[in-house]
Amino acid sequence: MNNKDLVLAAVGELFGDKDPSAVDRWVSSTFTQHSALAADGPEALRELVSSLPADFRYEGARAIADGDLVALHGVYYGLGPAPLVAFDIFRVADGKLAEHWDAMAPVVEETVSGRSQTDGPTQVGDLESTEANRELVAEYAERVLKGAEYAVATDYTSAETYLQHNPDAGDGLDGFGVAAATWAAEGKTVVYKTIHRVMAEGDFALVQAEGEFGGPVTYYDLFRLADGKIVEHWDVIQPIPAEPRDDDLS
């Protein structure tokens, strides 16, 4: 079983079937947790699964695998009063879930672009472009997201097609510019300080970072690429707790 199938099977039993015994089958005894929802170790995860409400469910949208890491993008229902769009990253070691990071944000019903936070293409394609796409997105993250070299954005992002799933932004670079100006007026300037990792599989690449957005946040940005340019974007921006774990992201 490859790592993507392993993670999907584990998540299906843990959060689909809500089966606490799945912890014994899928979770390492040294499981490291970076989520605010649970502590380290398999027993904390077992307690979380056991406490899930009857109306809890998870609807996955897409998954990408990169070496020992697998990222999931989907929506959780029943964790709070409103559905939560989420990114989860799992590290697999010796056939078990060994480490987990996540970020969640409320689902927004009416978005500027008219697209939801999870709709769009779901299947990974163009596998032969994985490394080229990883390199392009890693450079984009460092130069444009972190370095704020916005003048070179079109070196990486298509000027013709840039489909947006951030709920506050319209399509195209202009759409994001309008949203950024609105955020800045609200005291929420987009600042990327650290790029923690870039995962890639085929035409998808995920950036996990942290910075500022009216306060300390973690950024998860998922990009779809075509013909060597970014053409679609999904994201989650989650505030970092005032007293985060020492190893929360890295």
Protein backbone atom coordinates (compact mmCIF):
# COMPACT_ATOMS: atom_id res chain seq x y z
CA MET A 1 0.00 0.00 0.00
CA ASN A 2 1.44 3.38 -0.95
CA ASN A 3 1.46 6.25 1.53
CA LYS A 4 -1.51 8.07 0.00
CA ASP A 5 -3.69 4.97 0.13
CA LEU A 6 -2.48 4.27 3.67
CA VAL A 7 -3.43 7.74 4.91
CA LEU A 8 -6.80 7.66 3.15
CA ALA A 9 -7.56 4.25 4.66
CA ALA A 10 -6.50 5.39 8.13
CA VAL A 11 -8.49 8.63 7.96
CA GLY A 12 -11.49 6.72 6.63
CA GLU A 13 -11.51 4.41 9.64
CA LEU A 14 -10.62 7.07 12.21
CA PHE A 15 -12.85 9.93 11.05
CA GLY A 16 -15.24 8.22 8.64
CA ASP A 17 -16.11 5.16 10.70
CA LYS A 18 -15.20 6.98 13.94
CA ASP A 19 -13.54 3.77 15.09
CA PRO A 20 -11.18 4.24 18.07
CA SER A 21 -9.68 0.78 17.48
CA ALA A 22 -8.28 2.08 14.18
CA VAL A 23 -5.63 3.84 16.27
CA ASP A 24 -4.09 0.42 17.00
CA ARG A 25 -3.89 -0.41 13.29
CA TRP A 26 -2.72 2.88 11.86
CA VAL A 27 -1.03 5.10 14.45
CA SER A 28 2.58 4.94 15.63
CA SER A 29 3.31 4.60 19.34
CA THR A 30 5.45 7.74 19.01
CA PHE A 31 2.78 9.77 17.15
CA THR A 32 3.65 13.49 17.20
CA GLN A 33 0.75 15.92 17.07
CA HIS A 34 0.89 19.57 15.98
CA SER A 35 -2.87 20.14 16.02
CA ALA A 36 -4.53 22.09 18.81
CA LEU A 37 -7.22 19.38 18.95
CA ALA A 38 -5.12 16.68 20.64
CA ALA A 39 -1.88 15.99 22.48
CA ASP A 40 0.94 13.72 21.35
CA GLY A 41 0.59 9.96 21.31
CA PRO A 42 -1.95 7.43 20.10
CA GLU A 43 -4.06 7.54 23.26
CA ALA A 44 -4.83 11.24 22.81
CA LEU A 45 -5.95 10.53 19.25
CA ARG A 46 -8.06 7.61 20.47
CA GLU A 47 -9.72 9.94 22.98
CA LEU A 48 -10.42 12.48 20.23
CA VAL A 49 -11.99 9.88 17.94
CA SER A 50 -14.05 8.49 20.83
CA SER A 51 -15.40 11.95 21.62
CA LEU A 52 -16.53 12.85 18.09
CA PRO A 53 -20.22 13.79 18.02
CA ALA A 54 -22.80 11.70 16.22
CA ASP A 55 -23.18 14.28 13.44
CA PHE A 56 -19.45 14.49 12.77
CA ARG A 57 -18.26 13.68 9.26
CA TYR A 58 -15.34 14.45 6.98
CA GLU A 59 -15.68 15.08 3.25
CA GLY A 60 -12.37 14.85 1.43
CA ALA A 61 -11.76 16.89 -1.70
CA ARG A 62 -8.19 16.06 -2.77
CA ALA A 63 -4.99 14.39 -1.61
CA ILE A 64 -1.37 14.77 -2.66
CA ALA A 65 1.55 12.56 -1.68
CA ASP A 66 5.19 13.58 -1.56
CA GLY A 67 7.63 11.02 -0.18
CA ASP A 68 6.70 10.28 3.43
CA LEU A 69 4.17 13.15 3.54
CA VAL A 70 0.52 13.10 2.49
CA ALA A 71 -1.68 16.21 2.47
CA LEU A 72 -5.47 16.13 2.54
CA HIS A 73 -7.86 18.95 1.68
CA GLY A 74 -11.47 18.71 2.74
CA VAL A 75 -14.26 19.80 5.07
CA TYR A 76 -15.02 18.73 8.63
CA TYR A 77 -18.63 18.83 9.82
CA GLY A 78 -19.57 18.65 13.49
CA LEU A 79 -16.34 19.88 15.05
CA GLY A 80 -17.98 23.23 15.78
CA PRO A 81 -21.09 25.24 15.04
CA ALA A 82 -20.02 25.73 11.41
CA PRO A 83 -18.27 23.42 8.92
CA LEU A 84 -14.49 23.84 8.74
CA VAL A 85 -12.39 23.66 5.58
CA ALA A 86 -9.07 22.06 6.45
CA PHE A 87 -5.66 20.98 5.31
CA ASP A 88 -4.09 18.01 7.09
CA ILE A 89 -0.54 16.82 6.58
CA PHE A 90 0.49 13.36 7.79
CA ARG A 91 4.00 11.95 7.92
CA VAL A 92 4.15 8.19 7.44
CA ALA A 93 6.89 6.03 8.96
CA ASP A 94 7.10 2.23 8.97
CA GLY A 95 3.55 1.91 7.68
CA LYS A 96 2.00 4.07 10.42
CA LEU A 97 0.85 7.64 10.91
CA ALA A 98 3.80 9.19 12.72
CA GLU A 99 3.15 12.94 12.69
CA HIS A 100 0.31 15.36 11.91
CA TRP A 101 -0.14 19.08 11.18
CA ASP A 102 -3.37 20.89 10.29
CA ALA A 103 -5.08 24.22 9.73
CA MET A 104 -8.79 24.98 9.63
CA ALA A 105 -11.06 27.89 8.78
CA PRO A 106 -14.84 28.32 8.67
CA VAL A 107 -16.59 27.50 5.42
CA VAL A 108 -17.85 30.67 3.73
CA GLU A 109 -21.07 30.18 1.80
CA GLU A 110 -20.86 33.26 -0.43
CA THR A 111 -17.40 33.88 -1.88
CA VAL A 112 -16.22 36.73 -4.11
CA SER A 113 -15.29 34.39 -6.96
CA GLY A 114 -18.44 32.30 -6.65
CA ARG A 115 -16.32 29.18 -6.07
CA SER A 116 -16.29 27.21 -2.86
CA GLN A 117 -13.15 26.74 -0.77
CA THR A 118 -12.80 23.14 -1.96
CA ASP A 119 -14.40 22.75 -5.40
CA GLY A 120 -12.44 22.40 -8.62
CA PRO A 121 -10.20 19.63 -10.02
CA THR A 122 -9.50 16.84 -7.55
CA GLN A 123 -7.37 14.28 -9.39
CA VAL A 124 -3.61 14.65 -9.62
CA GLY A 125 -2.31 14.77 -13.19
CA ASP A 126 0.85 15.63 -15.11
CA LEU A 127 3.06 13.53 -12.83
CA GLU A 128 6.12 14.06 -15.00
CA SER A 129 6.05 17.76 -14.05
CA THR A 130 6.21 17.17 -10.28
CA GLU A 131 9.77 18.37 -9.74
CA ALA A 132 9.49 21.33 -12.11
CA ASN A 133 6.28 22.42 -10.39
CA ARG A 134 7.83 21.99 -6.94
CA GLU A 135 10.77 24.19 -7.98
CA LEU A 136 8.51 26.87 -9.48
CA VAL A 137 6.22 27.04 -6.45
CA ALA A 138 9.13 27.00 -3.99
CA GLU A 139 10.69 29.95 -5.82
CA TYR A 140 7.31 31.72 -5.96
CA ALA A 141 6.88 31.21 -2.21
CA GLU A 142 10.29 32.68 -1.43
CA ARG A 143 10.22 35.58 -3.90
CA VAL A 144 6.56 36.60 -4.05
CA LEU A 145 4.91 35.34 -0.86
CA LYS A 146 7.83 35.86 1.52
CA GLY A 147 9.91 38.39 -0.42
CA ALA A 148 6.91 40.48 -1.57
CA GLU A 149 8.40 40.82 -5.08
CA TYR A 150 4.95 41.30 -6.58
CA ALA A 151 6.36 42.69 -9.83
CA VAL A 152 7.56 39.21 -10.77
CA ALA A 153 4.29 37.42 -9.90
CA THR A 154 3.46 36.87 -13.56
CA ASP A 155 6.73 34.92 -13.95
CA TYR A 156 4.98 32.22 -11.91
CA THR A 157 1.24 32.87 -12.22
CA SER A 158 -0.76 32.76 -15.43
CA ALA A 159 -1.92 36.17 -16.60
CA GLU A 160 -4.82 34.55 -18.48
CA THR A 161 -6.21 32.05 -15.97
CA TYR A 162 -5.92 32.30 -12.19
CA LEU A 163 -8.93 30.70 -10.52
CA GLN A 164 -9.38 31.76 -6.92
CA HIS A 165 -10.93 29.85 -4.00
CA ASN A 166 -9.96 32.22 -1.20
CA PRO A 167 -13.41 33.45 -0.14
CA ASP A 168 -12.43 37.14 -0.13
CA ALA A 169 -10.61 37.29 -3.48
CA GLY A 170 -11.75 37.42 -7.07
CA ASP A 171 -10.08 35.66 -9.97
CA GLY A 172 -6.79 36.82 -11.41
CA LEU A 173 -3.91 38.70 -9.87
CA ASP A 174 -6.04 41.84 -9.88
CA GLY A 175 -8.68 40.05 -7.82
CA PHE A 176 -6.14 39.13 -5.20
CA GLY A 177 -4.75 42.67 -5.24
CA VAL A 178 -8.19 44.11 -4.46
CA ALA A 179 -8.61 41.64 -1.59
CA ALA A 180 -5.15 42.45 -0.21
CA ALA A 181 -5.93 46.17 -0.23
CA THR A 182 -9.19 45.51 1.64
CA TRP A 183 -7.40 43.35 4.20
CA ALA A 184 -4.71 46.01 4.70
CA ALA A 185 -7.41 48.61 5.37
CA GLU A 186 -8.71 46.27 8.06
CA GLY A 187 -5.24 45.98 9.62
CA LYS A 188 -4.55 42.54 8.15
CA THR A 189 -1.46 42.87 5.98
CA VAL A 190 -0.37 39.62 4.31
CA VAL A 191 3.13 38.79 5.58
CA TYR A 192 4.93 35.48 5.06
CA LYS A 193 7.90 35.06 7.40
CA THR A 194 8.86 31.38 7.15
CA ILE A 195 8.25 28.82 4.40
CA HIS A 196 8.25 25.49 6.23
CA ARG A 197 7.74 23.09 3.34
CA VAL A 198 6.61 22.76 -0.24
CA MET A 199 4.92 19.49 -1.17
CA ALA A 200 4.28 18.57 -4.78
CA GLU A 201 2.64 15.80 -6.76
CA GLY A 202 1.96 16.27 -10.44
CA ASP A 203 0.08 19.49 -11.12
CA PHE A 204 -0.54 20.28 -7.44
CA ALA A 205 1.82 21.94 -4.95
CA LEU A 206 1.16 22.85 -1.32
CA VAL A 207 3.02 25.53 0.63
CA GLN A 208 2.98 25.39 4.45
CA ALA A 209 4.19 28.65 5.97
CA GLU A 210 3.72 31.05 8.84
CA GLY A 211 3.63 34.81 9.16
CA GLU A 212 1.28 37.64 10.03
CA PHE A 213 -2.30 38.45 9.03
CA GLY A 214 -3.58 40.79 11.72
CA GLY A 215 -1.67 38.56 14.14
CA PRO A 216 0.46 35.41 13.92
CA VAL A 217 -0.97 32.85 11.49
CA THR A 218 -0.16 29.66 9.68
CA TYR A 219 -0.70 29.70 5.92
CA TYR A 220 -1.58 26.66 3.82
CA ASP A 221 -1.66 27.51 0.10
CA LEU A 222 -2.51 24.86 -2.48
CA PHE A 223 -1.73 25.64 -6.13
CA ARG A 224 -2.63 23.87 -9.36
CA LEU A 225 -0.28 24.40 -12.28
CA ALA A 226 -0.61 24.05 -16.03
CA ASP A 227 2.00 24.68 -18.71
CA GLY A 228 4.54 25.88 -16.16
CA LYS A 229 2.33 28.49 -14.50
CA ILE A 230 0.06 28.64 -11.43
CA VAL A 231 -3.56 28.63 -12.60
CA GLU A 232 -5.61 27.91 -9.45
CA HIS A 233 -5.37 28.57 -5.71
CA TRP A 234 -6.99 27.27 -2.52
CA ASP A 235 -5.96 28.24 1.00
CA VAL A 236 -6.55 28.20 4.73
CA ILE A 237 -5.26 30.93 7.05
CA GLN A 238 -5.42 29.97 10.72
CA PRO A 239 -4.42 32.08 13.71
CA ILE A 240 -1.59 30.63 15.80
CA PRO A 241 -2.49 30.31 19.51
CA ALA A 242 -0.84 32.73 21.90
CA GLU A 243 1.16 29.88 23.40
CA PRO A 244 1.82 27.45 20.54
CA ARG A 245 3.77 24.23 20.89
CA ASP A 246 7.49 24.81 20.44
CA ASP A 247 7.50 22.60 17.33
CA ASP A 248 4.11 23.51 15.96
CA LEU A 249 5.00 23.87 12.29
CA SER A 250 8.51 22.85 11.49
